[in-house]
Protein backbone atom coordinates (compact mmCIF):
# COMPACT_ATOMS: atom_id res chain seq x y z
CA MET A 1 92.88 145.52 49.06
CA PRO A 2 95.06 143.68 51.87
CA LEU A 3 97.56 145.63 53.39
CA PHE A 4 99.83 142.52 53.38
CA LYS A 5 99.82 140.19 51.07
CA ARG A 6 99.96 136.45 51.99
CA GLU A 7 102.38 134.25 50.05
CA ARG A 8 101.09 131.10 48.37
CA ARG A 9 102.24 127.94 50.60
CA ARG A 10 103.70 125.54 48.56
CA GLU A 11 102.76 121.66 48.85
CA VAL A 12 105.36 119.88 50.41
CA THR A 13 104.80 116.43 50.52
CA PRO A 14 105.74 115.00 53.64
CA SER A 15 108.66 112.10 53.68
CA ALA A 16 107.95 109.01 55.33
CA VAL A 17 109.60 108.49 58.80
CA GLN A 18 109.87 105.21 60.50
CA MET A 19 109.41 105.95 64.17
CA GLY A 20 109.48 103.64 67.05
CA ARG A 21 106.47 103.33 69.51
CA SER A 22 105.98 105.20 72.83
CA ASP A 23 105.08 102.75 74.49
CA ARG A 24 105.49 102.67 78.55
CA HIS A 25 104.53 101.25 81.89
CA PRO A 26 101.38 103.01 83.50
CA PHE A 27 103.44 104.20 86.40
CA ARG A 28 104.64 107.51 85.55
CA LEU A 29 105.16 108.52 88.97
CA VAL A 30 108.23 106.29 89.02
CA ASP A 31 110.02 107.57 85.75
CA GLY A 32 109.51 111.40 86.87
CA TYR A 33 111.18 110.52 90.69
CA ILE A 34 113.79 113.12 91.29
CA PRO A 35 115.80 112.52 94.16
CA LEU A 36 116.59 116.03 95.04
CA CYS A 37 112.73 116.64 96.28
CA GLN A 38 110.56 115.12 98.42
CA PRO A 39 108.08 112.27 96.71
CA GLU A 40 104.47 112.25 97.39
CA PHE A 41 103.26 109.17 98.81
CA SER A 42 101.48 108.55 95.73
CA LEU A 43 104.61 107.27 94.45
CA TYR A 44 105.48 104.80 97.48
CA ARG A 45 102.01 103.19 96.52
CA SER A 46 102.20 103.18 92.90
CA ILE A 47 105.69 101.27 93.49
CA ARG A 48 104.11 98.69 95.85
CA GLU A 49 101.14 98.43 92.75
CA ALA A 50 103.73 98.22 90.11
CA ILE A 51 105.91 95.14 91.88
CA PRO A 52 103.88 92.63 93.31
CA VAL A 53 106.99 90.85 95.17
CA VAL A 54 107.33 94.27 97.31
CA ASP A 55 103.59 94.45 98.42
CA ALA A 56 103.78 90.68 99.25
CA ALA A 57 107.03 91.82 101.82
CA ILE A 58 104.79 94.62 103.39
CA LEU A 59 101.75 92.52 103.85
CA LYS A 60 104.54 89.33 105.57
CA LEU A 61 105.37 92.31 107.52
CA VAL A 62 102.15 93.39 108.83
CA ARG A 63 100.75 89.72 109.34
CA LEU A 64 103.89 88.65 111.32
CA THR A 65 103.89 91.60 113.73
CA GLY A 66 100.03 91.01 114.74
CA GLY A 67 98.85 89.47 117.99
CA VAL A 68 98.62 91.94 120.89
CA SER A 69 97.06 91.84 124.14
CA VAL A 70 96.98 93.41 127.44
CA ALA A 71 97.87 92.53 131.02
CA CYS A 72 96.20 94.50 134.18
CA ARG A 73 96.76 93.91 138.36
CA ASP A 74 93.24 93.99 138.36
CA LYS A 75 91.88 91.28 136.45
CA GLY A 76 88.42 92.31 135.78
CA ALA A 77 89.94 95.14 134.37
CA GLU A 78 91.91 92.99 132.35
CA ARG A 79 88.79 90.94 130.86
CA GLU A 80 87.15 94.12 130.05
CA LEU A 81 90.00 95.76 127.97
CA ASN A 82 90.64 92.66 126.48
CA GLU A 83 87.22 92.05 125.51
CA PHE A 84 87.25 95.79 124.34
CA LEU A 85 90.35 95.59 122.28
CA ARG A 86 88.78 92.34 120.44
CA THR A 87 85.54 94.08 119.67
CA VAL A 88 86.14 98.00 119.10
CA PRO A 89 85.12 99.28 115.75
CA ALA A 90 87.90 100.06 113.32
CA GLY A 91 86.06 101.29 110.41
CA TRP A 92 84.94 99.76 107.13
CA ASN A 93 83.12 96.98 108.90
CA GLN A 94 86.68 95.75 110.65
CA ARG A 95 86.42 95.63 114.16
CA GLY A 96 89.14 94.77 116.63
CA ILE A 97 92.43 96.66 117.68
CA GLN A 98 94.12 94.16 115.28
CA ALA A 99 92.34 95.35 112.29
CA PHE A 100 93.52 98.72 113.06
CA LEU A 101 96.76 98.13 113.80
CA ASP A 102 97.27 96.38 110.52
CA GLY A 103 96.01 99.18 108.13
CA TYR A 104 98.26 101.48 110.73
CA LEU A 105 101.43 99.60 110.13
CA ASP A 106 100.74 99.43 106.44
CA CYS A 107 100.13 103.04 105.68
CA LEU A 108 103.59 103.29 108.39
CA LEU A 109 105.82 100.93 106.29
CA THR A 110 104.54 102.49 102.90
CA CYS A 111 104.48 106.37 103.60
CA GLY A 112 107.03 106.34 106.57
CA ARG A 113 104.26 107.87 108.97
CA ALA A 114 100.46 107.13 110.20
CA VAL A 115 98.23 108.93 111.81
CA GLY A 116 95.19 107.70 113.62
CA GLU A 117 92.00 108.94 115.31
CA ILE A 118 90.55 107.98 118.80
CA VAL A 119 86.50 108.31 118.14
CA PRO A 120 84.77 109.20 121.83
CA ALA A 121 80.85 108.35 122.27
CA ARG A 122 78.51 110.82 122.31
CA ASP A 123 77.90 110.52 126.47
CA GLY A 124 82.27 110.72 126.76
CA ARG A 125 82.07 107.37 128.35
CA GLU A 126 83.46 104.93 125.71
CA ILE A 127 85.12 104.72 122.89
CA ALA A 128 83.66 104.27 119.88
CA ALA A 129 86.05 103.80 117.33
CA VAL A 130 89.45 103.89 116.28
CA LEU A 131 89.93 104.91 113.34
CA CYS A 132 93.22 105.19 110.40
CA GLY A 133 93.43 108.61 108.87
CA ASN A 134 94.92 109.83 105.58
CA VAL A 135 98.18 111.00 106.09
CA SER A 136 98.25 113.21 102.34
CA ASP A 137 95.84 115.36 104.03
CA ILE A 138 97.87 115.71 106.92
CA GLU A 139 100.76 118.18 107.55
CA VAL A 140 102.58 118.27 111.28
CA LYS A 141 103.95 121.45 112.72
CA GLU A 142 105.95 122.21 115.20
CA GLU A 143 104.93 124.13 118.36
CA GLY A 144 108.05 125.88 119.33
CA SER A 145 109.64 122.90 120.16
CA PRO A 146 110.27 119.42 118.85
CA LEU A 147 108.41 117.48 121.97
CA GLU A 148 105.06 119.44 120.98
CA ILE A 149 103.74 118.75 117.63
CA LEU A 150 100.35 119.53 116.19
CA LEU A 151 98.52 117.95 113.44
CA ALA A 152 96.79 120.22 111.18
CA LEU A 153 94.75 119.51 107.90
CA ARG A 154 95.68 120.30 104.61
CA LYS A 155 93.01 122.29 102.57
CA PRO A 156 92.56 121.87 98.32
CA ASP A 157 93.41 125.66 98.11
CA GLY A 158 96.50 125.30 100.09
CA THR A 159 95.77 126.50 103.27
CA THR A 160 95.93 124.45 106.61
CA GLN A 161 93.90 124.05 109.51
CA VAL A 162 94.89 122.87 112.88
CA LEU A 163 92.59 119.91 113.58
CA PRO A 164 90.37 120.01 117.45
CA ARG A 165 90.99 117.59 120.12
CA GLN A 166 94.61 117.11 119.34
CA ASP A 167 94.64 114.44 122.75
CA LEU A 168 92.74 111.95 120.51
CA LEU A 169 94.84 111.89 117.37
CA LEU A 170 97.45 109.49 116.89
CA PHE A 171 101.02 109.91 115.08
CA THR A 172 103.58 107.65 114.46
CA PRO A 173 106.83 108.27 112.64
CA TYR A 174 108.95 105.44 110.98
CA SER A 175 112.73 105.50 111.40
CA PRO A 176 112.73 109.18 112.14
CA SER A 177 116.04 110.92 111.74
CA PRO A 178 117.22 114.56 112.66
CA GLU A 179 116.93 115.51 108.43
CA ASN A 180 113.90 113.54 108.78
CA PRO A 181 112.15 113.86 111.88
CA TYR A 182 108.54 112.53 110.86
CA GLY A 183 109.37 109.51 109.25
CA VAL A 184 111.15 107.82 106.22
CA SER A 185 109.12 105.45 104.07
CA LEU A 186 110.80 101.74 104.18
CA LEU A 187 110.90 102.31 100.27
CA HIS A 188 112.57 105.57 100.01
CA SER A 189 115.63 104.17 98.39
CA MET A 190 113.36 101.85 96.12
CA PRO A 191 112.65 104.37 93.08
CA PHE A 192 115.30 104.32 90.73
CA LEU A 193 115.71 100.63 90.59
CA SER A 194 112.12 100.32 90.49
CA GLY A 195 112.24 102.10 87.39
CA ILE A 196 114.75 99.85 85.61
CA LEU A 197 112.61 97.15 86.96
CA LEU A 198 109.67 98.58 85.03
CA LYS A 199 111.41 99.18 82.09
CA ILE A 200 112.61 95.71 81.67
CA TYR A 201 109.12 94.21 82.30
CA GLN A 202 107.54 96.61 79.31
CA THR A 203 110.32 95.81 77.27
CA LEU A 204 109.73 92.37 77.95
CA GLY A 205 106.40 92.36 77.28
CA ALA A 206 106.74 94.25 74.16
CA ASN A 207 109.27 92.00 72.66
CA TRP A 208 106.94 88.94 73.47
CA GLU A 209 104.04 90.91 71.55
CA ARG A 210 105.95 91.14 68.90
CA ALA A 211 107.67 87.94 68.53
CA GLY A 212 104.99 85.81 70.63
CA ASN A 213 102.16 87.26 67.99
CA VAL A 214 104.01 85.63 64.91
CA ARG A 215 104.08 87.81 61.99
CA PHE A 216 104.67 86.10 58.42
CA ALA A 217 106.26 87.65 55.56
CA VAL A 218 105.07 86.20 52.11
CA VAL A 219 107.71 86.71 49.38
CA TYR A 220 107.14 85.97 45.75
CA LYS A 221 109.90 85.55 43.02
CA PRO A 222 108.38 85.99 39.61
CA GLY A 223 109.69 83.97 36.73
CA GLU A 224 109.17 84.79 32.57
CA GLU A 225 105.95 86.47 33.99
CA GLY A 226 107.65 89.07 35.84
CA LEU A 227 107.91 91.09 32.55
CA ASP A 228 104.29 91.40 32.28
CA SER A 229 102.99 94.17 34.74
CA ARG A 230 99.21 92.68 34.59
CA ARG A 231 99.60 89.22 35.02
CA LEU A 232 102.12 89.98 37.97
CA GLN A 233 99.72 91.96 39.78
CA GLU A 234 97.16 89.25 39.79
CA ARG A 235 99.36 86.80 40.82
CA SER A 236 100.46 89.09 43.70
CA GLU A 237 96.41 89.58 44.52
CA LEU A 238 96.12 86.09 44.55
CA LEU A 239 98.45 84.97 46.80
CA ALA A 240 97.71 87.80 48.80
CA GLN A 241 93.85 86.56 49.46
CA ARG A 242 94.35 82.85 49.71
CA TRP A 243 96.99 83.73 52.20
CA SER A 244 94.71 85.46 54.09
CA GLU A 245 91.62 82.89 53.80
CA ALA A 246 94.53 80.57 55.19
CA MET A 247 95.16 82.77 58.34
CA GLN A 248 91.53 83.44 59.24
CA SER A 249 90.59 79.34 58.91
CA THR A 250 93.35 78.78 61.37
CA ARG A 251 92.09 81.89 63.52
CA SER A 252 88.61 79.81 63.85
CA GLY A 253 90.37 76.38 64.43
CA ALA A 254 90.00 74.94 60.91
CA VAL A 255 93.70 73.81 59.26
CA ARG A 256 94.16 74.83 55.57
CA ASP A 257 96.79 74.52 53.84
CA PHE A 258 98.60 76.85 51.56
CA VAL A 259 99.36 76.25 48.00
CA ALA A 260 101.35 78.23 45.78
CA THR A 261 103.00 77.62 42.49
CA GLY A 262 106.23 79.58 41.30
CA ASP A 263 108.91 80.49 43.71
CA VAL A 264 107.22 81.68 46.66
CA GLU A 265 108.96 81.86 49.99
CA ILE A 266 107.55 82.18 53.22
CA LYS A 267 109.32 83.20 56.48
CA VAL A 268 108.42 84.66 59.82
CA ILE A 269 109.16 88.03 60.71
CA GLY A 270 111.99 88.62 63.44
CA ALA A 271 112.60 84.71 63.84
CA GLU A 272 116.11 85.35 63.83
CA CYS A 273 116.17 87.56 66.70
CA GLU A 274 116.22 86.31 70.08
CA MET A 275 114.94 87.07 73.17
CA PRO A 276 117.35 88.83 75.46
CA ASP A 277 117.92 87.07 79.14
CA CYS A 278 116.46 89.10 81.70
CA GLN A 279 116.36 86.63 84.58
CA ALA A 280 119.88 87.73 86.10
CA PRO A 281 119.48 91.63 85.82
CA VAL A 282 116.15 91.18 87.28
CA ARG A 283 117.06 88.57 89.74
CA LEU A 284 119.59 91.55 91.01
CA ILE A 285 117.43 94.29 91.10
CA ILE A 286 114.51 91.91 93.23
CA GLU A 287 117.62 90.99 95.87
CA GLN A 288 118.48 94.64 96.16
CA LEU A 289 114.45 95.52 96.76
CA ILE A 290 113.55 92.42 98.73
CA ALA A 291 116.82 93.43 101.13
CA GLN A 292 115.36 96.67 102.16
CA THR A 293 112.39 94.73 103.60
CA GLY A 294 114.68 92.00 105.53
CA ILE A 295 112.33 89.20 104.75
CA PRO A 296 114.08 86.27 103.23
CA PRO A 297 113.54 85.41 99.29
CA PHE A 298 111.90 82.66 99.92
CA LEU A 299 109.48 83.35 101.95
CA LEU A 300 107.63 85.64 99.26
CA GLY A 301 107.92 82.57 96.84
CA LEU A 302 111.04 83.01 94.64
CA ASN A 303 112.84 79.62 95.60
CA TRP A 304 116.38 80.72 94.01
CA SER A 305 118.12 77.66 95.22
CA SER A 306 116.48 74.04 95.89
CA THR A 307 117.79 74.06 99.61
CA GLU A 308 116.65 77.51 100.71
CA ARG A 309 115.54 77.16 104.19
CA MET A 310 115.35 79.64 106.87
CA SER A 311 118.17 79.52 109.26
CA SER A 312 118.52 80.38 112.86
CA GLN A 313 120.55 83.22 112.15
CA GLN A 314 117.66 84.69 109.83
CA ALA A 315 115.45 83.90 112.07
CA ASP A 316 116.82 85.85 115.23
CA ILE A 317 117.17 88.71 112.27
CA MET A 318 113.72 88.53 111.11
CA THR A 319 112.28 88.17 115.27
CA SER A 320 114.59 91.86 115.95
CA GLU A 321 112.90 93.24 112.99
CA LEU A 322 109.27 92.37 113.93
CA THR A 323 110.20 93.32 117.72
CA ALA A 324 111.52 96.90 116.65
CA LEU A 325 108.19 97.37 114.54
CA ARG A 326 106.16 96.08 117.86
CA ARG A 327 107.85 98.71 119.49
CA THR A 328 107.08 101.23 117.44
CA LEU A 329 103.44 100.35 117.68
CA THR A 330 103.21 99.86 121.60
CA PRO A 331 102.46 103.27 122.42
CA VAL A 332 99.11 103.68 120.30
CA VAL A 333 97.99 100.55 121.83
CA GLU A 334 98.78 102.12 125.65
CA ARG A 335 97.35 105.40 124.78
CA VAL A 336 94.31 103.92 123.85
CA CYS A 337 93.92 101.33 126.57
CA ARG A 338 94.84 104.23 128.94
CA LEU A 339 92.00 106.15 127.66
CA TRP A 340 89.91 103.39 128.24
CA LEU A 341 90.88 102.59 131.75
CA ARG A 342 90.33 106.21 132.71
CA MET A 343 86.74 106.35 131.03
CA HIS A 344 85.90 103.08 132.91
CA GLY A 345 87.09 104.34 136.37
CA TYR A 346 90.36 102.33 136.92
CA ASP A 347 93.53 103.77 137.50
CA CYS A 348 95.33 100.21 137.78
CA PRO A 349 99.00 99.55 135.84
CA PHE A 350 98.65 97.38 132.45
CA GLN A 351 101.27 96.26 130.07
CA VAL A 352 100.77 95.21 126.37
CA GLU A 353 101.76 91.94 125.47
CA TRP A 354 102.55 90.76 122.38
CA GLU A 355 102.00 87.24 121.25
CA GLU A 356 105.03 85.21 120.80
CA ILE A 357 107.10 85.32 117.33
CA ASN A 358 108.05 81.52 116.35
CA LEU A 359 109.83 81.29 113.17
CA GLN A 360 111.50 78.22 113.22
CA ASP A 361 110.35 74.89 111.69
CA GLN A 362 107.89 73.06 114.08
CA VAL A 363 109.41 69.90 113.46
CA GLU A 364 112.97 70.61 114.05
CA GLU A 365 111.53 72.29 117.88
CA ALA A 366 109.68 69.40 118.78
CA ARG A 367 112.91 67.38 117.89
CA ALA A 368 114.73 69.11 120.07
CA GLU A 369 112.45 69.28 122.81
CA LEU A 370 112.48 65.41 122.69
CA TYR A 371 116.44 65.15 122.62
CA ARG A 372 116.10 67.58 125.86
CA GLN A 373 113.60 65.08 127.34
CA GLN A 374 115.76 62.17 126.98
CA ALA A 375 119.00 63.80 128.27
CA ALA A 376 117.20 64.72 131.15
CA ARG A 377 116.02 61.11 131.40
CA LEU A 378 119.47 59.57 131.41
CA GLU A 379 120.26 62.05 133.89
CA ARG A 380 117.78 61.27 136.25
CA GLU A 381 118.68 57.64 136.05
CA GLU A 382 122.33 58.11 136.26
CA VAL A 383 121.53 60.13 139.57
CA LYS A 384 119.53 57.09 141.13
CA GLU A 385 121.99 54.12 140.30
CA GLU A 386 124.63 56.42 141.87
CA HIS A 387 122.57 56.83 145.29
CA HIS A 388 121.82 53.11 144.91
CA GLU A 389 125.32 52.21 144.49
CA ASN A 390 126.77 54.62 147.60
CA GLY A 391 123.57 52.99 149.84
CA ASN A 392 125.10 49.28 149.29
CA GLN A 393 128.53 50.47 150.18
CA GLY A 394 127.46 52.18 153.26
CA SER A 395 125.20 49.27 154.43
CA PRO A 396 126.75 46.76 156.99
CA ASP A 397 127.41 43.12 156.03
CA PRO A 398 125.02 40.45 157.25
CA GLY A 399 126.91 37.68 157.11
CA ARG A 400 129.28 39.09 159.96
């Protein structure tokens, strides 16, 4: 005999509950972003993956910043050093210091910091490779002073281990500040607006899934035969069968008409609902996101105005932005070049030179150069005429 008797459960019929589908975009990190805590680097990578225009803007900055060389007082060392910069392995079957700087700057803009490593050869007389590191595995520690920092490897169990040969490690913060001395990502102000934009896109896709994939409602209003339930059921089943056959024939490419007798009404489900206009809010959010990158919208394929083009003021602003990025990367190139020169016995000074940034229209520049040449020619002709007139006035008259 059981000590505690169990009461017999009553069978309760569950009531029908209408619930919406919990469809959400796949980038859950954006929705779970909390501004009060330090976001993970995976959040910024998710923003780039979710919003193509942000990814394109960062790639544009990386491409426009490139183009580096070195000038030395010793021309022999300059040729060898530039050849090394052109052919040094950069990992993942890439060669050249520019390939390394592209990945380094991409990580710098996305995560707010970048780490790299100079790999010497076994004999210590050559640089075997220059590689980028994963910032998610690196933790920065101060060694008693802000001027001395150490890079440590973060292990899976939560402990850290200071990496050896700190002189061969490269570390660069982006836009450091007293609150964030180890860098701030270019995307640090985008998670909130990115979440709103992704919700709009997800809702837009759900609406098109409902409205684009047309569903029909076939309504049969019985007449006198409606009093006979058997005949009403037979007529309903026949209508459903014929309508299903007509729809299946349409999917296979054939055209088949649906013919019914009686009062039958066919209408599209949701046809009376209009799709909400999302162009204005999407453009407003994208403008805010692009403003953070500093790139004119039409360079990213957003032709909001038919007369949009890069003005001289925009070109100057873009040039200053790219120059600032180059100033951030110059110390990295100098460390690599300085180590290479020491390994090969050179003690000559050098200077890192970047390619000239040219964002102006080539046709307008050529026209301006033509106008300058024409003005210079007219000025030379006027000077010749003045000299000729002065010479004629000062010469004696031969008829006297």
